[in-house]
Amino acid sequence: MRIGVEAYNQIMQVSKPQNTKNVKAAKSTTPSMGKDEVQISSMGRSMQVAKQAVAEASDIREDKVAEMKAKYSGDVQVDTGDFADKLLAKFAGL
């Protein structure tokens, strides 16, 4: 493909930087659009409150832990036969 001198000159004029004075003047005369705003829906606010409450809550329920400690404070004896029967019954039902 061969590009002629006329086409080359046209391409060079298009790619030549424009006069920046005119661009700056145009920018200063355009009206400001104002500030950006974000609106959060009531559902979004509720989710934010719930997320914060979960973050502040403890992962361990101390009252349940204390109850279990009191209930099982001694040695726990597990009958292996009963355990095996319950385990087999559970997996047989699947």
C-alpha atoms as a PDB file:
ATOM      1  CA  MET A   1       0.000   0.000   0.000  1.00  0.00           C
ATOM      2  CA  ARG A   2       1.333   3.364  -0.934  1.00  0.00           C
ATOM      3  CA  ILE A   3       0.394   6.580   0.825  1.00  0.00           C
ATOM      4  CA  GLY A   4       0.643   9.728  -1.219  1.00  0.00           C
ATOM      5  CA  VAL A   5       2.079  13.031  -0.026  1.00  0.00           C
ATOM      6  CA  GLU A   6      -1.384  14.601   0.236  1.00  0.00           C
ATOM      7  CA  ALA A   7      -2.680  11.785   2.468  1.00  0.00           C
ATOM      8  CA  TYR A   8       0.496  11.962   4.574  1.00  0.00           C
ATOM      9  CA  ASN A   9       0.029  15.712   5.156  1.00  0.00           C
ATOM     10  CA  GLN A  10      -3.601  15.180   6.183  1.00  0.00           C
ATOM     11  CA  ILE A  11      -2.592  12.487   8.670  1.00  0.00           C
ATOM     12  CA  MET A  12       0.117  14.719  10.125  1.00  0.00           C
ATOM     13  CA  GLN A  13      -2.358  17.585  10.609  1.00  0.00           C
ATOM     14  CA  VAL A  14      -4.771  15.338  12.478  1.00  0.00           C
ATOM     15  CA  SER A  15      -2.071  13.965  14.776  1.00  0.00           C
ATOM     16  CA  LYS A  16      -0.507  17.401  15.404  1.00  0.00           C
ATOM     17  CA  PRO A  17      -1.171  18.738  18.919  1.00  0.00           C
ATOM     18  CA  GLN A  18      -3.976  21.290  19.043  1.00  0.00           C
ATOM     19  CA  ASN A  19      -3.549  24.802  20.345  1.00  0.00           C
ATOM     20  CA  THR A  20      -3.735  24.372  24.129  1.00  0.00           C
ATOM     21  CA  LYS A  21      -4.830  27.985  24.772  1.00  0.00           C
ATOM     22  CA  ASN A  22      -8.183  27.343  23.144  1.00  0.00           C
ATOM     23  CA  VAL A  23      -8.638  24.115  25.049  1.00  0.00           C
ATOM     24  CA  LYS A  24      -7.908  25.763  28.397  1.00  0.00           C
ATOM     25  CA  ALA A  25     -10.274  28.619  27.662  1.00  0.00           C
ATOM     26  CA  ALA A  26     -13.023  26.193  26.759  1.00  0.00           C
ATOM     27  CA  LYS A  27     -12.540  24.297  29.992  1.00  0.00           C
ATOM     28  CA  SER A  28     -12.779  27.415  32.138  1.00  0.00           C
ATOM     29  CA  THR A  29     -16.018  28.587  30.500  1.00  0.00           C
ATOM     30  CA  THR A  30     -17.915  25.311  30.960  1.00  0.00           C
ATOM     31  CA  PRO A  31     -20.174  25.244  34.034  1.00  0.00           C
ATOM     32  CA  SER A  32     -19.281  22.999  36.926  1.00  0.00           C
ATOM     33  CA  MET A  33     -21.375  19.840  37.235  1.00  0.00           C
ATOM     34  CA  GLY A  34     -21.394  19.901  41.051  1.00  0.00           C
ATOM     35  CA  LYS A  35     -20.347  17.293  43.562  1.00  0.00           C
ATOM     36  CA  ASP A  36     -20.700  13.552  43.188  1.00  0.00           C
ATOM     37  CA  GLU A  37     -23.211  11.936  45.503  1.00  0.00           C
ATOM     38  CA  VAL A  38     -23.798   8.406  46.708  1.00  0.00           C
ATOM     39  CA  GLN A  39     -27.123   7.297  48.108  1.00  0.00           C
ATOM     40  CA  ILE A  40     -27.422   4.103  50.110  1.00  0.00           C
ATOM     41  CA  SER A  41     -30.799   2.401  50.202  1.00  0.00           C
ATOM     42  CA  SER A  42     -32.512   1.509  53.465  1.00  0.00           C
ATOM     43  CA  MET A  43     -31.743  -2.152  52.753  1.00  0.00           C
ATOM     44  CA  GLY A  44     -28.089  -1.280  52.317  1.00  0.00           C
ATOM     45  CA  ARG A  45     -28.081   0.607  55.612  1.00  0.00           C
ATOM     46  CA  SER A  46     -29.727  -2.358  57.354  1.00  0.00           C
ATOM     47  CA  MET A  47     -27.106  -4.697  55.919  1.00  0.00           C
ATOM     48  CA  GLN A  48     -24.356  -2.369  57.095  1.00  0.00           C
ATOM     49  CA  VAL A  49     -25.773  -2.307  60.644  1.00  0.00           C
ATOM     50  CA  ALA A  50     -26.132  -6.103  60.657  1.00  0.00           C
ATOM     51  CA  LYS A  51     -22.585  -6.571  59.365  1.00  0.00           C
ATOM     52  CA  GLN A  52     -21.236  -4.283  62.074  1.00  0.00           C
ATOM     53  CA  ALA A  53     -23.204  -6.144  64.780  1.00  0.00           C
ATOM     54  CA  VAL A  54     -21.833  -9.491  63.590  1.00  0.00           C
ATOM     55  CA  ALA A  55     -18.294  -8.101  63.528  1.00  0.00           C
ATOM     56  CA  GLU A  56     -18.637  -6.883  67.113  1.00  0.00           C
ATOM     57  CA  ALA A  57     -20.212 -10.115  68.410  1.00  0.00           C
ATOM     58  CA  SER A  58     -18.037 -12.778  69.966  1.00  0.00           C
ATOM     59  CA  ASP A  59     -17.511 -16.018  68.052  1.00  0.00           C
ATOM     60  CA  ILE A  60     -17.782 -17.980  71.306  1.00  0.00           C
ATOM     61  CA  ARG A  61     -20.993 -18.108  73.318  1.00  0.00           C
ATOM     62  CA  GLU A  62     -19.560 -17.930  76.810  1.00  0.00           C
ATOM     63  CA  ASP A  63     -22.859 -18.900  78.463  1.00  0.00           C
ATOM     64  CA  LYS A  64     -23.037 -22.169  76.493  1.00  0.00           C
ATOM     65  CA  VAL A  65     -19.380 -22.940  77.155  1.00  0.00           C
ATOM     66  CA  ALA A  66     -19.862 -22.421  80.894  1.00  0.00           C
ATOM     67  CA  GLU A  67     -22.968 -24.654  80.847  1.00  0.00           C
ATOM     68  CA  MET A  68     -21.107 -27.461  79.061  1.00  0.00           C
ATOM     69  CA  LYS A  69     -18.107 -27.158  81.358  1.00  0.00           C
ATOM     70  CA  ALA A  70     -20.355 -27.462  84.419  1.00  0.00           C
ATOM     71  CA  LYS A  71     -22.274 -30.380  82.943  1.00  0.00           C
ATOM     72  CA  TYR A  72     -19.203 -32.323  81.826  1.00  0.00           C
ATOM     73  CA  SER A  73     -16.680 -31.242  84.462  1.00  0.00           C
ATOM     74  CA  GLY A  74     -15.759 -34.830  85.356  1.00  0.00           C
ATOM     75  CA  ASP A  75     -14.542 -37.635  83.170  1.00  0.00           C
ATOM     76  CA  VAL A  76     -16.885 -38.555  80.367  1.00  0.00           C
ATOM     77  CA  GLN A  77     -17.309 -42.270  79.787  1.00  0.00           C
ATOM     78  CA  VAL A  78     -18.356 -43.230  76.268  1.00  0.00           C
ATOM     79  CA  ASP A  79     -19.645 -46.718  75.529  1.00  0.00           C
ATOM     80  CA  THR A  80     -17.946 -47.582  72.233  1.00  0.00           C
ATOM     81  CA  GLY A  81     -20.665 -50.087  71.332  1.00  0.00           C
ATOM     82  CA  ASP A  82     -23.441 -47.500  71.657  1.00  0.00           C
ATOM     83  CA  PHE A  83     -21.348 -44.996  69.717  1.00  0.00           C
ATOM     84  CA  ALA A  84     -20.744 -47.481  66.877  1.00  0.00           C
ATOM     85  CA  ASP A  85     -24.452 -48.399  66.731  1.00  0.00           C
ATOM     86  CA  LYS A  86     -25.500 -44.745  66.469  1.00  0.00           C
ATOM     87  CA  LEU A  87     -22.846 -44.060  63.857  1.00  0.00           C
ATOM     88  CA  LEU A  88     -23.925 -47.013  61.713  1.00  0.00           C
ATOM     89  CA  ALA A  89     -27.609 -46.068  62.071  1.00  0.00           C
ATOM     90  CA  LYS A  90     -26.864 -42.539  60.906  1.00  0.00           C
ATOM     91  CA  PHE A  91     -24.919 -43.617  57.809  1.00  0.00           C
ATOM     92  CA  ALA A  92     -27.330 -46.450  56.970  1.00  0.00           C
ATOM     93  CA  GLY A  93     -30.108 -43.888  56.602  1.00  0.00           C
ATOM     94  CA  LEU A  94     -28.232 -41.934  53.941  1.00  0.00           C
END
